[in-house]
Amino acid sequence: MAKPKRIYLAGPEVFFPASEHQLIVAEKKRLLQEYGFEGVDPLDTELVFSDNQTKPDRGHGIYKANRELMDSCDAIIANLTPFRGISADPGTVYEVGYMIGQGKPAFGFTLDSRPYRERAGATGQDHMGHTIEDFELSDNLMIEGGIRESGGQLLVAEQPGEHSFFCAELFQRCVQLLAHTLSG
């Protein structure tokens, strides 16, 4: 029997309290398993740090561990709901780009249905007079463009989910689209 395709689960959930993170990730993994996939969370690593390791060294260790996880995966599903600002979590965006750079399909979802420009400010410029892009997209054009070019899609919630950063129905739609993409 062939090993299931591994799907990297990117998103800001890694910053949530442990119980909240575990609940959301367990549901994502369950939904993926229904389609014969294995979900891989960034926290699925056994990292051990010594007491004398600096914070930058610890951070780099986490980066390397997550990169190794991504290398072992066949695709990514990213939670691109705005986090700590008007756009997706920057680490998540990096992970999407990393996977796309390897030629792997990327899918994403957001629970914020407002277009990027609306979230950034309706005047077309920010408070410093810098232009805000207006392509009627859910996030920065490079994020959506990369996902689209990878063969994936960014899905936008039409209604609130059971959590401000998660909707099982929306995630399941990503999984269904991913299954279709990976099947040929």
C-alpha atoms as a PDB file:
ATOM      1  CA  MET A   1       0.000   0.000   0.000  1.00  0.00           C
ATOM      2  CA  ALA A   2       1.357   3.402  -0.987  1.00  0.00           C
ATOM      3  CA  LYS A   3       2.196   5.913   1.695  1.00  0.00           C
ATOM      4  CA  PRO A   4      -0.328   8.754   1.914  1.00  0.00           C
ATOM      5  CA  LYS A   5       0.634  12.085   0.428  1.00  0.00           C
ATOM      6  CA  ARG A   6       1.792  14.475   3.129  1.00  0.00           C
ATOM      7  CA  ILE A   7       0.187  17.907   3.355  1.00  0.00           C
ATOM      8  CA  TYR A   8       1.910  20.718   5.239  1.00  0.00           C
ATOM      9  CA  LEU A   9      -0.477  22.733   7.418  1.00  0.00           C
ATOM     10  CA  ALA A  10       0.690  26.341   7.541  1.00  0.00           C
ATOM     11  CA  GLY A  11      -0.932  29.116   9.502  1.00  0.00           C
ATOM     12  CA  PRO A  12      -0.906  31.259  12.596  1.00  0.00           C
ATOM     13  CA  GLU A  13      -2.386  28.479  14.741  1.00  0.00           C
ATOM     14  CA  VAL A  14       1.130  27.710  16.024  1.00  0.00           C
ATOM     15  CA  PHE A  15       0.838  30.935  18.054  1.00  0.00           C
ATOM     16  CA  PHE A  16      -2.487  29.975  19.680  1.00  0.00           C
ATOM     17  CA  PRO A  17      -2.737  28.506  23.190  1.00  0.00           C
ATOM     18  CA  ALA A  18      -1.817  24.797  23.093  1.00  0.00           C
ATOM     19  CA  SER A  19      -5.351  23.486  23.635  1.00  0.00           C
ATOM     20  CA  GLU A  20      -6.779  25.713  20.883  1.00  0.00           C
ATOM     21  CA  HIS A  21      -3.953  24.793  18.487  1.00  0.00           C
ATOM     22  CA  GLN A  22      -4.358  21.074  19.147  1.00  0.00           C
ATOM     23  CA  LEU A  23      -8.121  21.175  18.612  1.00  0.00           C
ATOM     24  CA  ILE A  24      -7.850  22.920  15.226  1.00  0.00           C
ATOM     25  CA  VAL A  25      -4.937  20.796  14.003  1.00  0.00           C
ATOM     26  CA  ALA A  26      -6.679  17.572  15.050  1.00  0.00           C
ATOM     27  CA  GLU A  27      -9.706  18.554  12.958  1.00  0.00           C
ATOM     28  CA  LYS A  28      -7.512  19.452   9.955  1.00  0.00           C
ATOM     29  CA  LYS A  29      -5.687  16.137  10.188  1.00  0.00           C
ATOM     30  CA  ARG A  30      -8.973  14.247  10.517  1.00  0.00           C
ATOM     31  CA  LEU A  31     -10.390  15.901   7.396  1.00  0.00           C
ATOM     32  CA  LEU A  32      -7.200  15.189   5.451  1.00  0.00           C
ATOM     33  CA  GLN A  33      -7.219  11.561   6.568  1.00  0.00           C
ATOM     34  CA  GLU A  34     -10.762  11.167   5.177  1.00  0.00           C
ATOM     35  CA  TYR A  35      -9.240  11.826   1.742  1.00  0.00           C
ATOM     36  CA  GLY A  36      -6.234   9.555   2.284  1.00  0.00           C
ATOM     37  CA  PHE A  37      -3.760  12.319   3.160  1.00  0.00           C
ATOM     38  CA  GLU A  38      -1.465  12.781   6.125  1.00  0.00           C
ATOM     39  CA  GLY A  39      -1.536  16.230   7.714  1.00  0.00           C
ATOM     40  CA  VAL A  40       1.806  17.610   8.881  1.00  0.00           C
ATOM     41  CA  ASP A  41       1.797  20.454  11.406  1.00  0.00           C
ATOM     42  CA  PRO A  42       4.833  22.721  11.984  1.00  0.00           C
ATOM     43  CA  LEU A  43       4.827  21.577  15.613  1.00  0.00           C
ATOM     44  CA  ASP A  44       5.150  17.905  14.587  1.00  0.00           C
ATOM     45  CA  THR A  45       8.847  18.016  15.439  1.00  0.00           C
ATOM     46  CA  GLU A  46      10.791  17.012  18.497  1.00  0.00           C
ATOM     47  CA  LEU A  47      13.011  20.002  19.092  1.00  0.00           C
ATOM     48  CA  VAL A  48      15.445  19.929  21.986  1.00  0.00           C
ATOM     49  CA  PHE A  49      17.327  23.066  22.921  1.00  0.00           C
ATOM     50  CA  SER A  50      20.207  23.333  25.333  1.00  0.00           C
ATOM     51  CA  ASP A  51      20.051  25.894  28.118  1.00  0.00           C
ATOM     52  CA  ASN A  52      22.991  27.803  26.651  1.00  0.00           C
ATOM     53  CA  GLN A  53      21.484  28.122  23.146  1.00  0.00           C
ATOM     54  CA  THR A  54      20.703  31.703  22.189  1.00  0.00           C
ATOM     55  CA  LYS A  55      17.224  32.742  21.100  1.00  0.00           C
ATOM     56  CA  PRO A  56      18.410  33.401  17.524  1.00  0.00           C
ATOM     57  CA  ASP A  57      19.945  29.897  17.415  1.00  0.00           C
ATOM     58  CA  ARG A  58      16.696  28.411  18.709  1.00  0.00           C
ATOM     59  CA  GLY A  59      14.759  30.334  16.067  1.00  0.00           C
ATOM     60  CA  HIS A  60      17.044  29.049  13.335  1.00  0.00           C
ATOM     61  CA  GLY A  61      16.594  25.512  14.668  1.00  0.00           C
ATOM     62  CA  ILE A  62      12.822  25.882  14.350  1.00  0.00           C
ATOM     63  CA  TYR A  63      13.239  27.247  10.804  1.00  0.00           C
ATOM     64  CA  LYS A  64      15.380  24.243   9.796  1.00  0.00           C
ATOM     65  CA  ALA A  65      12.966  21.755  11.354  1.00  0.00           C
ATOM     66  CA  ASN A  66       9.988  23.325   9.568  1.00  0.00           C
ATOM     67  CA  ARG A  67      11.877  23.423   6.279  1.00  0.00           C
ATOM     68  CA  GLU A  68      12.628  19.704   6.639  1.00  0.00           C
ATOM     69  CA  LEU A  69       8.938  19.052   7.275  1.00  0.00           C
ATOM     70  CA  MET A  70       8.001  21.044   4.162  1.00  0.00           C
ATOM     71  CA  ASP A  71      10.596  19.146   2.119  1.00  0.00           C
ATOM     72  CA  SER A  72       8.899  15.901   3.174  1.00  0.00           C
ATOM     73  CA  CYS A  73       5.459  17.085   2.035  1.00  0.00           C
ATOM     74  CA  ASP A  74       3.711  16.965  -1.328  1.00  0.00           C
ATOM     75  CA  ALA A  75       1.541  20.089  -0.992  1.00  0.00           C
ATOM     76  CA  ILE A  76       0.497  22.834   1.414  1.00  0.00           C
ATOM     77  CA  ILE A  77      -2.785  24.136   2.763  1.00  0.00           C
ATOM     78  CA  ALA A  78      -2.303  27.523   4.395  1.00  0.00           C
ATOM     79  CA  ASN A  79      -4.509  29.537   6.695  1.00  0.00           C
ATOM     80  CA  LEU A  80      -4.153  33.000   5.166  1.00  0.00           C
ATOM     81  CA  THR A  81      -6.669  34.741   7.416  1.00  0.00           C
ATOM     82  CA  PRO A  82      -5.125  38.116   8.345  1.00  0.00           C
ATOM     83  CA  PHE A  83      -3.040  37.805  11.498  1.00  0.00           C
ATOM     84  CA  ARG A  84      -1.578  40.705  13.477  1.00  0.00           C
ATOM     85  CA  GLY A  85      -2.365  43.124  10.656  1.00  0.00           C
ATOM     86  CA  ILE A  86      -4.099  43.439   7.303  1.00  0.00           C
ATOM     87  CA  SER A  87      -2.455  40.420   5.694  1.00  0.00           C
ATOM     88  CA  ALA A  88      -1.608  36.800   6.363  1.00  0.00           C
ATOM     89  CA  ASP A  89       1.049  35.764   8.886  1.00  0.00           C
ATOM     90  CA  PRO A  90       4.452  36.445   7.246  1.00  0.00           C
ATOM     91  CA  GLY A  91       5.863  33.057   8.250  1.00  0.00           C
ATOM     92  CA  THR A  92       2.902  31.358   6.629  1.00  0.00           C
ATOM     93  CA  VAL A  93       3.392  33.410   3.475  1.00  0.00           C
ATOM     94  CA  TYR A  94       7.063  32.348   3.416  1.00  0.00           C
ATOM     95  CA  GLU A  95       6.028  28.702   3.736  1.00  0.00           C
ATOM     96  CA  VAL A  96       3.581  29.057   0.838  1.00  0.00           C
ATOM     97  CA  GLY A  97       6.338  30.585  -1.312  1.00  0.00           C
ATOM     98  CA  TYR A  98       8.820  27.906  -0.274  1.00  0.00           C
ATOM     99  CA  MET A  99       6.465  25.116  -1.302  1.00  0.00           C
ATOM    100  CA  ILE A 100       5.524  26.818  -4.573  1.00  0.00           C
ATOM    101  CA  GLY A 101       9.237  27.274  -5.289  1.00  0.00           C
ATOM    102  CA  GLN A 102       9.586  23.495  -5.092  1.00  0.00           C
ATOM    103  CA  GLY A 103       6.813  23.036  -7.639  1.00  0.00           C
ATOM    104  CA  LYS A 104       4.317  21.791  -5.071  1.00  0.00           C
ATOM    105  CA  PRO A 105       0.639  22.824  -5.171  1.00  0.00           C
ATOM    106  CA  ALA A 106      -0.537  25.397  -2.653  1.00  0.00           C
ATOM    107  CA  PHE A 107      -4.055  25.922  -1.397  1.00  0.00           C
ATOM    108  CA  GLY A 108      -5.174  28.503   1.075  1.00  0.00           C
ATOM    109  CA  PHE A 109      -8.189  29.820   2.878  1.00  0.00           C
ATOM    110  CA  THR A 110      -9.167  33.016   4.646  1.00  0.00           C
ATOM    111  CA  LEU A 111     -12.045  33.759   6.954  1.00  0.00           C
ATOM    112  CA  ASP A 112     -11.871  37.474   6.141  1.00  0.00           C
ATOM    113  CA  SER A 113     -14.040  38.074   3.085  1.00  0.00           C
ATOM    114  CA  ARG A 114     -12.971  41.702   2.656  1.00  0.00           C
ATOM    115  CA  PRO A 115     -10.662  42.436  -0.277  1.00  0.00           C
ATOM    116  CA  TYR A 116      -7.083  43.410   0.597  1.00  0.00           C
ATOM    117  CA  ARG A 117      -7.613  47.050  -0.382  1.00  0.00           C
ATOM    118  CA  GLU A 118     -10.634  47.379   1.880  1.00  0.00           C
ATOM    119  CA  ARG A 119      -8.679  45.960   4.833  1.00  0.00           C
ATOM    120  CA  ALA A 120      -5.773  48.281   4.061  1.00  0.00           C
ATOM    121  CA  GLY A 121      -7.836  51.453   3.735  1.00  0.00           C
ATOM    122  CA  ALA A 122     -10.404  52.568   1.212  1.00  0.00           C
ATOM    123  CA  THR A 123      -8.539  55.691   0.084  1.00  0.00           C
ATOM    124  CA  GLY A 124      -6.007  53.857  -2.074  1.00  0.00           C
ATOM    125  CA  GLN A 125      -3.120  55.073   0.086  1.00  0.00           C
ATOM    126  CA  ASP A 126      -1.911  54.221   3.543  1.00  0.00           C
ATOM    127  CA  HIS A 127      -1.283  56.761   6.316  1.00  0.00           C
ATOM    128  CA  MET A 128       2.168  57.512   4.840  1.00  0.00           C
ATOM    129  CA  GLY A 129       0.866  58.152   1.338  1.00  0.00           C
ATOM    130  CA  HIS A 130       2.016  54.808  -0.078  1.00  0.00           C
ATOM    131  CA  THR A 131      -0.182  53.189  -2.719  1.00  0.00           C
ATOM    132  CA  ILE A 132      -2.358  50.253  -1.677  1.00  0.00           C
ATOM    133  CA  GLU A 133      -2.738  47.737  -4.473  1.00  0.00           C
ATOM    134  CA  ASP A 134      -6.249  47.288  -5.812  1.00  0.00           C
ATOM    135  CA  PHE A 135      -6.691  44.115  -7.848  1.00  0.00           C
ATOM    136  CA  GLU A 136      -9.870  42.967  -6.066  1.00  0.00           C
ATOM    137  CA  LEU A 137      -7.939  40.108  -4.472  1.00  0.00           C
ATOM    138  CA  SER A 138      -8.160  38.704  -0.959  1.00  0.00           C
ATOM    139  CA  ASP A 139      -4.501  39.390  -0.223  1.00  0.00           C
ATOM    140  CA  ASN A 140      -1.347  40.688  -1.846  1.00  0.00           C
ATOM    141  CA  LEU A 141      -1.177  39.812  -5.551  1.00  0.00           C
ATOM    142  CA  MET A 142       2.049  37.849  -5.115  1.00  0.00           C
ATOM    143  CA  ILE A 143       0.412  35.496  -2.613  1.00  0.00           C
ATOM    144  CA  GLU A 144      -2.672  34.850  -4.717  1.00  0.00           C
ATOM    145  CA  GLY A 145      -0.717  34.773  -7.965  1.00  0.00           C
ATOM    146  CA  GLY A 146       1.688  32.159  -6.626  1.00  0.00           C
ATOM    147  CA  ILE A 147      -1.112  29.971  -5.315  1.00  0.00           C
ATOM    148  CA  ARG A 148      -2.942  30.186  -8.622  1.00  0.00           C
ATOM    149  CA  GLU A 149       0.195  29.404 -10.668  1.00  0.00           C
ATOM    150  CA  SER A 150       0.901  26.362  -8.458  1.00  0.00           C
ATOM    151  CA  GLY A 151      -2.419  24.849  -9.517  1.00  0.00           C
ATOM    152  CA  GLY A 152      -4.073  25.747  -6.240  1.00  0.00           C
ATOM    153  CA  GLN A 153      -6.718  28.165  -5.080  1.00  0.00           C
ATOM    154  CA  LEU A 154      -7.326  30.621  -2.270  1.00  0.00           C
ATOM    155  CA  LEU A 155     -10.803  30.054  -0.850  1.00  0.00           C
ATOM    156  CA  VAL A 156     -12.658  32.857   0.907  1.00  0.00           C
ATOM    157  CA  ALA A 157     -15.244  32.240   3.617  1.00  0.00           C
ATOM    158  CA  GLU A 158     -18.754  33.341   2.822  1.00  0.00           C
ATOM    159  CA  GLN A 159     -19.782  33.105   6.472  1.00  0.00           C
ATOM    160  CA  PRO A 160     -18.031  32.969   9.844  1.00  0.00           C
ATOM    161  CA  GLY A 161     -16.480  29.691  10.928  1.00  0.00           C
ATOM    162  CA  GLU A 162     -16.664  27.931  14.256  1.00  0.00           C
ATOM    163  CA  HIS A 163     -13.484  29.819  15.199  1.00  0.00           C
ATOM    164  CA  SER A 164     -12.271  33.237  14.079  1.00  0.00           C
ATOM    165  CA  PHE A 165      -9.339  31.479  12.357  1.00  0.00           C
ATOM    166  CA  PHE A 166     -10.878  28.171  11.316  1.00  0.00           C
ATOM    167  CA  CYS A 167     -13.887  26.837   9.443  1.00  0.00           C
ATOM    168  CA  ALA A 168     -14.018  23.055   8.940  1.00  0.00           C
ATOM    169  CA  GLU A 169     -16.285  23.377   5.877  1.00  0.00           C
ATOM    170  CA  LEU A 170     -13.896  25.805   4.166  1.00  0.00           C
ATOM    171  CA  PHE A 171     -10.872  23.658   5.020  1.00  0.00           C
ATOM    172  CA  GLN A 172     -12.656  20.581   3.676  1.00  0.00           C
ATOM    173  CA  ARG A 173     -13.271  22.383   0.383  1.00  0.00           C
ATOM    174  CA  CYS A 174      -9.497  23.008   0.173  1.00  0.00           C
ATOM    175  CA  VAL A 175      -8.877  19.310   0.785  1.00  0.00           C
ATOM    176  CA  GLN A 176     -11.377  18.331  -1.918  1.00  0.00           C
ATOM    177  CA  LEU A 177      -9.727  20.657  -4.443  1.00  0.00           C
ATOM    178  CA  LEU A 178      -6.289  19.385  -3.439  1.00  0.00           C
ATOM    179  CA  ALA A 179      -7.431  15.773  -3.877  1.00  0.00           C
ATOM    180  CA  HIS A 180      -8.676  16.612  -7.368  1.00  0.00           C
ATOM    181  CA  THR A 181      -5.405  18.374  -8.228  1.00  0.00           C
ATOM    182  CA  LEU A 182      -3.167  15.573  -6.957  1.00  0.00           C
ATOM    183  CA  SER A 183      -5.216  12.874  -8.675  1.00  0.00           C
ATOM    184  CA  GLY A 184      -4.336  14.273 -12.048  1.00  0.00           C
END
